[in-house]
Amino acid sequence: MKILAVITARGGSKRIPRKNIKPFLGKPILLYSIQAALDSGVFDEVMVSTEDEEIARLAEEAGAKVPFFRSSDTANDYATTADVLLEVLEQYRELGMQFDYVCCIYPTAPFVSAKRLAEAMEKLTAQGADSLLPVVRFGFPPQRSVVVDDDGFLQFRWPEHMLTRSQDLEPFYHDAGQFYCLRAESFLKQKKMVMEKTLPLVLPESEVQDIDTEEDWRIAEAKFRALHGEEKGYGTGED
């Protein structure tokens, strides 16, 4: 069984310029994903998919491989993650290499850990599903959410749950935005990240943080310090 880790790190980013290599607590954020993949010990190859020479250089210095560059078709703002992975697998096939499983890891996911990656791959391979997705439970029950009506007033979206106890409501989850583990054969047929038989890996809120804005970035750094401060030396704030 051969397993490939693909870290998708193109050079362009609109909301946070050069986001994939922006320093996160003192080092390029991309390096966290690379290190977690390498430390997990479950991948036969850890590669970075990019069209950017600076990103490629940093990736190779960190121990990842960049056996080929991403095409212009998958380096634009409209290419999907599935598009990128399909191209990567095809390029590997042209090199005479095929993989049974592929794990797509996002480059701006510093909370990804070697332990979680290993846990995810073990669960996927053991249960024989098509894919596995890390998820986190919504902190507040969506069934008790409110919307703004046409007159500008708040209304309960599901008024029947106004007084329902939180513990009596079905838990809802959302994508943790960190990685996807896929059975290569299923992915090549279905060509989507969340496939017909997708397993969950439920993560605690402390290990999850979206990073789409500068404010998100500051929150993520503070959260990472709180989670890893003493063991990784991030407790002083002097990075």
C-alpha atoms as a PDB file:
ATOM      1  CA  MET A   1       0.000   0.000   0.000  1.00  0.00           C
ATOM      2  CA  LYS A   2       1.448   3.345  -1.070  1.00  0.00           C
ATOM      3  CA  ILE A   3       0.246   6.640   0.379  1.00  0.00           C
ATOM      4  CA  LEU A   4       0.903  10.129  -0.972  1.00  0.00           C
ATOM      5  CA  ALA A   5       0.637  13.416   0.926  1.00  0.00           C
ATOM      6  CA  VAL A   6      -0.086  16.431  -1.284  1.00  0.00           C
ATOM      7  CA  ILE A   7       0.221  19.915   0.188  1.00  0.00           C
ATOM      8  CA  THR A   8      -1.524  22.394  -2.103  1.00  0.00           C
ATOM      9  CA  ALA A   9       0.369  25.701  -2.005  1.00  0.00           C
ATOM     10  CA  ARG A  10      -0.013  28.001  -4.965  1.00  0.00           C
ATOM     11  CA  GLY A  11       1.637  31.392  -4.982  1.00  0.00           C
ATOM     12  CA  GLY A  12      -1.416  33.600  -5.459  1.00  0.00           C
ATOM     13  CA  SER A  13      -3.648  34.783  -2.624  1.00  0.00           C
ATOM     14  CA  LYS A  14      -5.977  37.773  -2.663  1.00  0.00           C
ATOM     15  CA  ARG A  15      -7.123  38.308   0.921  1.00  0.00           C
ATOM     16  CA  ILE A  16      -3.738  37.655   2.555  1.00  0.00           C
ATOM     17  CA  PRO A  17      -0.867  38.241   0.086  1.00  0.00           C
ATOM     18  CA  ARG A  18       1.652  35.365  -0.050  1.00  0.00           C
ATOM     19  CA  LYS A  19      -0.491  33.644   2.550  1.00  0.00           C
ATOM     20  CA  ASN A  20       1.047  30.200   2.112  1.00  0.00           C
ATOM     21  CA  ILE A  21       4.519  31.344   3.197  1.00  0.00           C
ATOM     22  CA  LYS A  22       3.585  34.217   5.505  1.00  0.00           C
ATOM     23  CA  PRO A  23       5.402  33.838   8.871  1.00  0.00           C
ATOM     24  CA  PHE A  24       3.209  32.205  11.505  1.00  0.00           C
ATOM     25  CA  LEU A  25       4.818  32.613  14.923  1.00  0.00           C
ATOM     26  CA  GLY A  26       8.231  33.008  13.356  1.00  0.00           C
ATOM     27  CA  LYS A  27       8.270  30.563  10.426  1.00  0.00           C
ATOM     28  CA  PRO A  28       6.450  30.189   7.099  1.00  0.00           C
ATOM     29  CA  ILE A  29       3.040  28.695   7.777  1.00  0.00           C
ATOM     30  CA  LEU A  30       3.521  26.107   5.017  1.00  0.00           C
ATOM     31  CA  LEU A  31       6.256  24.427   7.046  1.00  0.00           C
ATOM     32  CA  TYR A  32       3.814  23.327   9.754  1.00  0.00           C
ATOM     33  CA  SER A  33       1.903  21.157   7.283  1.00  0.00           C
ATOM     34  CA  ILE A  34       5.091  19.730   5.808  1.00  0.00           C
ATOM     35  CA  GLN A  35       6.506  18.847   9.216  1.00  0.00           C
ATOM     36  CA  ALA A  36       3.285  17.214  10.395  1.00  0.00           C
ATOM     37  CA  ALA A  37       3.164  15.061   7.260  1.00  0.00           C
ATOM     38  CA  LEU A  38       6.800  14.009   7.577  1.00  0.00           C
ATOM     39  CA  ASP A  39       6.517  13.315  11.315  1.00  0.00           C
ATOM     40  CA  SER A  40       3.390  11.192  10.902  1.00  0.00           C
ATOM     41  CA  GLY A  41       5.440   8.412   9.330  1.00  0.00           C
ATOM     42  CA  VAL A  42       2.520   7.163   7.229  1.00  0.00           C
ATOM     43  CA  PHE A  43       3.358   8.645   3.817  1.00  0.00           C
ATOM     44  CA  ASP A  44       5.617   7.148   1.178  1.00  0.00           C
ATOM     45  CA  GLU A  45       6.011  10.599  -0.352  1.00  0.00           C
ATOM     46  CA  VAL A  46       5.286  14.111   0.884  1.00  0.00           C
ATOM     47  CA  MET A  47       5.049  16.589  -1.973  1.00  0.00           C
ATOM     48  CA  VAL A  48       4.045  20.205  -2.447  1.00  0.00           C
ATOM     49  CA  SER A  49       1.964  21.189  -5.455  1.00  0.00           C
ATOM     50  CA  THR A  50       2.863  24.731  -6.512  1.00  0.00           C
ATOM     51  CA  GLU A  51       3.685  26.922  -9.477  1.00  0.00           C
ATOM     52  CA  ASP A  52       5.824  29.245  -7.351  1.00  0.00           C
ATOM     53  CA  GLU A  53       9.634  28.924  -7.263  1.00  0.00           C
ATOM     54  CA  GLU A  54      10.006  30.464  -3.781  1.00  0.00           C
ATOM     55  CA  ILE A  55       7.428  28.097  -2.325  1.00  0.00           C
ATOM     56  CA  ALA A  56       9.118  25.166  -4.067  1.00  0.00           C
ATOM     57  CA  ARG A  57      12.488  26.108  -2.613  1.00  0.00           C
ATOM     58  CA  LEU A  58      11.115  26.429   0.932  1.00  0.00           C
ATOM     59  CA  ALA A  59       9.274  23.115   0.571  1.00  0.00           C
ATOM     60  CA  GLU A  60      12.362  21.229  -0.543  1.00  0.00           C
ATOM     61  CA  GLU A  61      14.487  22.783   2.202  1.00  0.00           C
ATOM     62  CA  ALA A  62      11.872  21.551   4.717  1.00  0.00           C
ATOM     63  CA  GLY A  63      12.116  17.981   3.407  1.00  0.00           C
ATOM     64  CA  ALA A  64       9.166  17.813   1.005  1.00  0.00           C
ATOM     65  CA  LYS A  65       9.440  17.010  -2.688  1.00  0.00           C
ATOM     66  CA  VAL A  66       8.449  19.136  -5.668  1.00  0.00           C
ATOM     67  CA  PRO A  67       8.834  16.690  -8.564  1.00  0.00           C
ATOM     68  CA  PHE A  68       6.953  18.952 -10.985  1.00  0.00           C
ATOM     69  CA  PHE A  69       5.270  22.342 -11.081  1.00  0.00           C
ATOM     70  CA  ARG A  70       1.559  23.003 -11.200  1.00  0.00           C
ATOM     71  CA  SER A  71       0.105  23.960 -14.566  1.00  0.00           C
ATOM     72  CA  SER A  72      -1.471  27.351 -15.256  1.00  0.00           C
ATOM     73  CA  ASP A  73      -4.874  25.639 -15.382  1.00  0.00           C
ATOM     74  CA  THR A  74      -4.651  24.585 -11.744  1.00  0.00           C
ATOM     75  CA  ALA A  75      -2.809  27.678 -10.478  1.00  0.00           C
ATOM     76  CA  ASN A  76      -5.624  30.150 -11.141  1.00  0.00           C
ATOM     77  CA  ASP A  77      -8.376  31.380  -8.806  1.00  0.00           C
ATOM     78  CA  TYR A  78     -10.981  29.024 -10.233  1.00  0.00           C
ATOM     79  CA  ALA A  79      -9.265  25.642 -10.007  1.00  0.00           C
ATOM     80  CA  THR A  80     -10.682  23.361  -7.317  1.00  0.00           C
ATOM     81  CA  THR A  81      -8.720  21.192  -4.924  1.00  0.00           C
ATOM     82  CA  ALA A  82     -10.024  18.165  -6.811  1.00  0.00           C
ATOM     83  CA  ASP A  83      -8.620  19.624 -10.048  1.00  0.00           C
ATOM     84  CA  VAL A  84      -5.206  19.971  -8.429  1.00  0.00           C
ATOM     85  CA  LEU A  85      -5.189  16.413  -7.068  1.00  0.00           C
ATOM     86  CA  LEU A  86      -6.297  14.916 -10.366  1.00  0.00           C
ATOM     87  CA  GLU A  87      -3.416  16.680 -12.097  1.00  0.00           C
ATOM     88  CA  VAL A  88      -0.929  15.564  -9.438  1.00  0.00           C
ATOM     89  CA  LEU A  89      -1.964  11.910  -9.719  1.00  0.00           C
ATOM     90  CA  GLU A  90      -1.768  12.073 -13.512  1.00  0.00           C
ATOM     91  CA  GLN A  91       1.708  13.615 -13.398  1.00  0.00           C
ATOM     92  CA  TYR A  92       2.866  10.881 -11.024  1.00  0.00           C
ATOM     93  CA  ARG A  93       1.453   8.228 -13.343  1.00  0.00           C
ATOM     94  CA  GLU A  94       3.531   9.729 -16.152  1.00  0.00           C
ATOM     95  CA  LEU A  95       6.565   9.246 -13.902  1.00  0.00           C
ATOM     96  CA  GLY A  96       5.599   5.612 -13.387  1.00  0.00           C
ATOM     97  CA  MET A  97       4.312   6.069  -9.818  1.00  0.00           C
ATOM     98  CA  GLN A  98       0.835   5.203  -8.543  1.00  0.00           C
ATOM     99  CA  PHE A  99      -0.657   5.479  -5.059  1.00  0.00           C
ATOM    100  CA  ASP A 100      -3.435   3.653  -3.251  1.00  0.00           C
ATOM    101  CA  TYR A 101      -4.312   6.586  -0.999  1.00  0.00           C
ATOM    102  CA  VAL A 102      -3.746  10.319  -1.157  1.00  0.00           C
ATOM    103  CA  CYS A 103      -3.994  12.830   1.672  1.00  0.00           C
ATOM    104  CA  CYS A 104      -4.498  16.439   0.644  1.00  0.00           C
ATOM    105  CA  ILE A 105      -3.202  18.792   3.344  1.00  0.00           C
ATOM    106  CA  TYR A 106      -3.813  22.524   3.221  1.00  0.00           C
ATOM    107  CA  PRO A 107      -0.734  24.772   3.552  1.00  0.00           C
ATOM    108  CA  THR A 108      -2.342  27.180   6.016  1.00  0.00           C
ATOM    109  CA  ALA A 109      -3.329  24.623   8.631  1.00  0.00           C
ATOM    110  CA  PRO A 110      -0.803  24.913  11.489  1.00  0.00           C
ATOM    111  CA  PHE A 111      -3.082  22.966  13.829  1.00  0.00           C
ATOM    112  CA  VAL A 112      -2.657  19.805  11.743  1.00  0.00           C
ATOM    113  CA  SER A 113      -0.611  17.315  13.732  1.00  0.00           C
ATOM    114  CA  ALA A 114       1.310  14.162  12.876  1.00  0.00           C
ATOM    115  CA  LYS A 115      -0.865  12.304  15.373  1.00  0.00           C
ATOM    116  CA  ARG A 116      -4.120  13.328  13.685  1.00  0.00           C
ATOM    117  CA  LEU A 117      -2.809  12.469  10.219  1.00  0.00           C
ATOM    118  CA  ALA A 118      -1.756   9.014  11.369  1.00  0.00           C
ATOM    119  CA  GLU A 119      -5.081   8.529  13.149  1.00  0.00           C
ATOM    120  CA  ALA A 120      -6.992   9.575  10.030  1.00  0.00           C
ATOM    121  CA  MET A 121      -5.128   7.266   7.681  1.00  0.00           C
ATOM    122  CA  GLU A 122      -5.467   4.327  10.064  1.00  0.00           C
ATOM    123  CA  LYS A 123      -9.215   4.875  10.341  1.00  0.00           C
ATOM    124  CA  LEU A 124      -9.698   5.218   6.580  1.00  0.00           C
ATOM    125  CA  THR A 125      -7.681   2.169   5.627  1.00  0.00           C
ATOM    126  CA  ALA A 126      -9.180   0.037   8.392  1.00  0.00           C
ATOM    127  CA  GLN A 127     -12.796   0.810   7.531  1.00  0.00           C
ATOM    128  CA  GLY A 128     -12.444   0.759   3.760  1.00  0.00           C
ATOM    129  CA  ALA A 129     -14.368   3.961   3.065  1.00  0.00           C
ATOM    130  CA  ASP A 130     -13.861   6.274   0.093  1.00  0.00           C
ATOM    131  CA  SER A 131     -12.617   9.244   2.090  1.00  0.00           C
ATOM    132  CA  LEU A 132     -12.222  10.789   5.518  1.00  0.00           C
ATOM    133  CA  LEU A 133     -12.913  14.381   6.517  1.00  0.00           C
ATOM    134  CA  PRO A 134     -11.876  16.118   9.760  1.00  0.00           C
ATOM    135  CA  VAL A 135     -14.879  17.971  11.163  1.00  0.00           C
ATOM    136  CA  VAL A 136     -15.659  20.108  14.186  1.00  0.00           C
ATOM    137  CA  ARG A 137     -18.984  20.536  15.928  1.00  0.00           C
ATOM    138  CA  PHE A 138     -20.702  23.908  15.660  1.00  0.00           C
ATOM    139  CA  GLY A 139     -20.229  25.748  18.938  1.00  0.00           C
ATOM    140  CA  PHE A 140     -23.812  27.017  18.922  1.00  0.00           C
ATOM    141  CA  PRO A 141     -26.736  24.881  17.658  1.00  0.00           C
ATOM    142  CA  PRO A 142     -27.617  26.013  14.110  1.00  0.00           C
ATOM    143  CA  GLN A 143     -31.220  24.921  14.774  1.00  0.00           C
ATOM    144  CA  ARG A 144     -31.530  27.942  17.099  1.00  0.00           C
ATOM    145  CA  SER A 145     -30.063  30.462  14.652  1.00  0.00           C
ATOM    146  CA  VAL A 146     -31.763  33.724  13.713  1.00  0.00           C
ATOM    147  CA  VAL A 147     -32.077  35.552  10.388  1.00  0.00           C
ATOM    148  CA  VAL A 148     -32.843  39.153   9.465  1.00  0.00           C
ATOM    149  CA  ASP A 149     -36.199  39.544   7.713  1.00  0.00           C
ATOM    150  CA  ASP A 150     -37.109  42.037   4.980  1.00  0.00           C
ATOM    151  CA  ASP A 151     -38.066  44.636   7.603  1.00  0.00           C
ATOM    152  CA  GLY A 152     -34.711  44.380   9.372  1.00  0.00           C
ATOM    153  CA  PHE A 153     -35.969  42.433  12.376  1.00  0.00           C
ATOM    154  CA  LEU A 154     -34.581  39.202  13.787  1.00  0.00           C
ATOM    155  CA  GLN A 155     -36.569  36.026  13.356  1.00  0.00           C
ATOM    156  CA  PHE A 156     -35.820  32.482  14.447  1.00  0.00           C
ATOM    157  CA  ARG A 157     -35.024  30.361  11.393  1.00  0.00           C
ATOM    158  CA  TRP A 158     -36.551  27.333  13.099  1.00  0.00           C
ATOM    159  CA  PRO A 159     -38.983  28.749  15.690  1.00  0.00           C
ATOM    160  CA  GLU A 160     -39.966  25.230  16.778  1.00  0.00           C
ATOM    161  CA  HIS A 161     -36.544  25.007  18.440  1.00  0.00           C
ATOM    162  CA  MET A 162     -36.695  28.327  20.321  1.00  0.00           C
ATOM    163  CA  LEU A 163     -37.002  26.557  23.660  1.00  0.00           C
ATOM    164  CA  THR A 164     -35.421  23.210  22.822  1.00  0.00           C
ATOM    165  CA  ARG A 165     -32.514  22.364  25.091  1.00  0.00           C
ATOM    166  CA  SER A 166     -29.151  22.338  23.319  1.00  0.00           C
ATOM    167  CA  GLN A 167     -28.413  18.802  24.503  1.00  0.00           C
ATOM    168  CA  ASP A 168     -31.636  17.582  22.858  1.00  0.00           C
ATOM    169  CA  LEU A 169     -30.693  18.898  19.400  1.00  0.00           C
ATOM    170  CA  GLU A 170     -28.880  16.818  16.803  1.00  0.00           C
ATOM    171  CA  PRO A 171     -25.205  17.902  16.656  1.00  0.00           C
ATOM    172  CA  PHE A 172     -24.145  19.608  13.429  1.00  0.00           C
ATOM    173  CA  TYR A 173     -20.550  19.607  12.143  1.00  0.00           C
ATOM    174  CA  HIS A 174     -18.535  21.511   9.562  1.00  0.00           C
ATOM    175  CA  ASP A 175     -15.333  20.929   7.632  1.00  0.00           C
ATOM    176  CA  ALA A 176     -12.312  21.690   9.812  1.00  0.00           C
ATOM    177  CA  GLY A 177     -10.449  23.006   6.748  1.00  0.00           C
ATOM    178  CA  GLN A 178      -7.269  21.026   7.353  1.00  0.00           C
ATOM    179  CA  PHE A 179      -6.960  17.922   5.187  1.00  0.00           C
ATOM    180  CA  TYR A 180      -8.767  15.223   3.214  1.00  0.00           C
ATOM    181  CA  CYS A 181      -7.772  11.550   3.121  1.00  0.00           C
ATOM    182  CA  LEU A 182      -8.874   9.757  -0.035  1.00  0.00           C
ATOM    183  CA  ARG A 183      -8.814   6.287  -1.547  1.00  0.00           C
ATOM    184  CA  ALA A 184      -7.168   7.034  -4.886  1.00  0.00           C
ATOM    185  CA  GLU A 185      -9.285   4.585  -6.899  1.00  0.00           C
ATOM    186  CA  SER A 186     -12.531   6.069  -5.572  1.00  0.00           C
ATOM    187  CA  PHE A 187     -11.329   9.623  -6.098  1.00  0.00           C
ATOM    188  CA  LEU A 188     -10.359   9.001  -9.722  1.00  0.00           C
ATOM    189  CA  LYS A 189     -13.873   7.693 -10.354  1.00  0.00           C
ATOM    190  CA  GLN A 190     -15.928  10.208  -8.351  1.00  0.00           C
ATOM    191  CA  LYS A 191     -13.614  13.222  -8.803  1.00  0.00           C
ATOM    192  CA  LYS A 192     -14.716  14.949  -5.610  1.00  0.00           C
ATOM    193  CA  MET A 193     -13.278  15.404  -2.136  1.00  0.00           C
ATOM    194  CA  VAL A 194     -16.287  14.325  -0.080  1.00  0.00           C
ATOM    195  CA  MET A 195     -17.312  11.053  -1.663  1.00  0.00           C
ATOM    196  CA  GLU A 196     -20.183   8.605  -1.252  1.00  0.00           C
ATOM    197  CA  LYS A 197     -18.690   6.871   1.789  1.00  0.00           C
ATOM    198  CA  THR A 198     -16.911   9.546   3.810  1.00  0.00           C
ATOM    199  CA  LEU A 199     -15.859   8.964   7.412  1.00  0.00           C
ATOM    200  CA  PRO A 200     -15.642  11.775   9.977  1.00  0.00           C
ATOM    201  CA  LEU A 201     -12.699  12.525  12.221  1.00  0.00           C
ATOM    202  CA  VAL A 202     -14.196  14.741  14.901  1.00  0.00           C
ATOM    203  CA  LEU A 203     -11.739  17.346  16.194  1.00  0.00           C
ATOM    204  CA  PRO A 204     -12.061  19.531  19.297  1.00  0.00           C
ATOM    205  CA  GLU A 205     -12.574  23.258  18.796  1.00  0.00           C
ATOM    206  CA  SER A 206      -9.128  23.897  20.305  1.00  0.00           C
ATOM    207  CA  GLU A 207      -7.491  22.272  17.252  1.00  0.00           C
ATOM    208  CA  VAL A 208      -9.428  24.165  14.591  1.00  0.00           C
ATOM    209  CA  GLN A 209      -9.207  27.720  13.248  1.00  0.00           C
ATOM    210  CA  ASP A 210     -10.085  29.088   9.822  1.00  0.00           C
ATOM    211  CA  ILE A 211      -7.476  31.526   8.514  1.00  0.00           C
ATOM    212  CA  ASP A 212      -9.038  33.678   5.800  1.00  0.00           C
ATOM    213  CA  THR A 213      -8.380  37.216   7.080  1.00  0.00           C
ATOM    214  CA  GLU A 214      -5.698  39.094   8.998  1.00  0.00           C
ATOM    215  CA  GLU A 215      -7.921  38.945  12.080  1.00  0.00           C
ATOM    216  CA  ASP A 216      -8.216  35.172  11.680  1.00  0.00           C
ATOM    217  CA  TRP A 217      -4.419  35.035  11.525  1.00  0.00           C
ATOM    218  CA  ARG A 218      -4.010  36.864  14.834  1.00  0.00           C
ATOM    219  CA  ILE A 219      -6.632  34.657  16.487  1.00  0.00           C
ATOM    220  CA  ALA A 220      -4.904  31.531  15.152  1.00  0.00           C
ATOM    221  CA  GLU A 221      -1.527  32.615  16.529  1.00  0.00           C
ATOM    222  CA  ALA A 222      -3.034  33.332  19.947  1.00  0.00           C
ATOM    223  CA  LYS A 223      -4.867  30.020  19.902  1.00  0.00           C
ATOM    224  CA  PHE A 224      -1.762  28.136  18.820  1.00  0.00           C
ATOM    225  CA  ARG A 225       0.240  29.717  21.663  1.00  0.00           C
ATOM    226  CA  ALA A 226      -2.431  28.679  24.134  1.00  0.00           C
ATOM    227  CA  LEU A 227      -2.388  25.116  22.801  1.00  0.00           C
ATOM    228  CA  HIS A 228       1.353  24.654  22.277  1.00  0.00           C
ATOM    229  CA  GLY A 229       3.009  27.518  24.147  1.00  0.00           C
ATOM    230  CA  GLU A 230       5.210  25.676  26.608  1.00  0.00           C
ATOM    231  CA  GLU A 231       6.133  22.658  24.482  1.00  0.00           C
ATOM    232  CA  LYS A 232       6.997  24.675  21.360  1.00  0.00           C
ATOM    233  CA  GLY A 233       8.347  27.822  22.972  1.00  0.00           C
ATOM    234  CA  TYR A 234       5.564  30.153  21.845  1.00  0.00           C
ATOM    235  CA  GLY A 235       4.449  31.331  25.251  1.00  0.00           C
ATOM    236  CA  THR A 236       6.316  34.662  25.470  1.00  0.00           C
ATOM    237  CA  GLY A 237       5.010  36.345  22.333  1.00  0.00           C
ATOM    238  CA  GLU A 238       8.586  37.249  21.316  1.00  0.00           C
ATOM    239  CA  ASP A 239       8.708  35.360  17.997  1.00  0.00           C
END
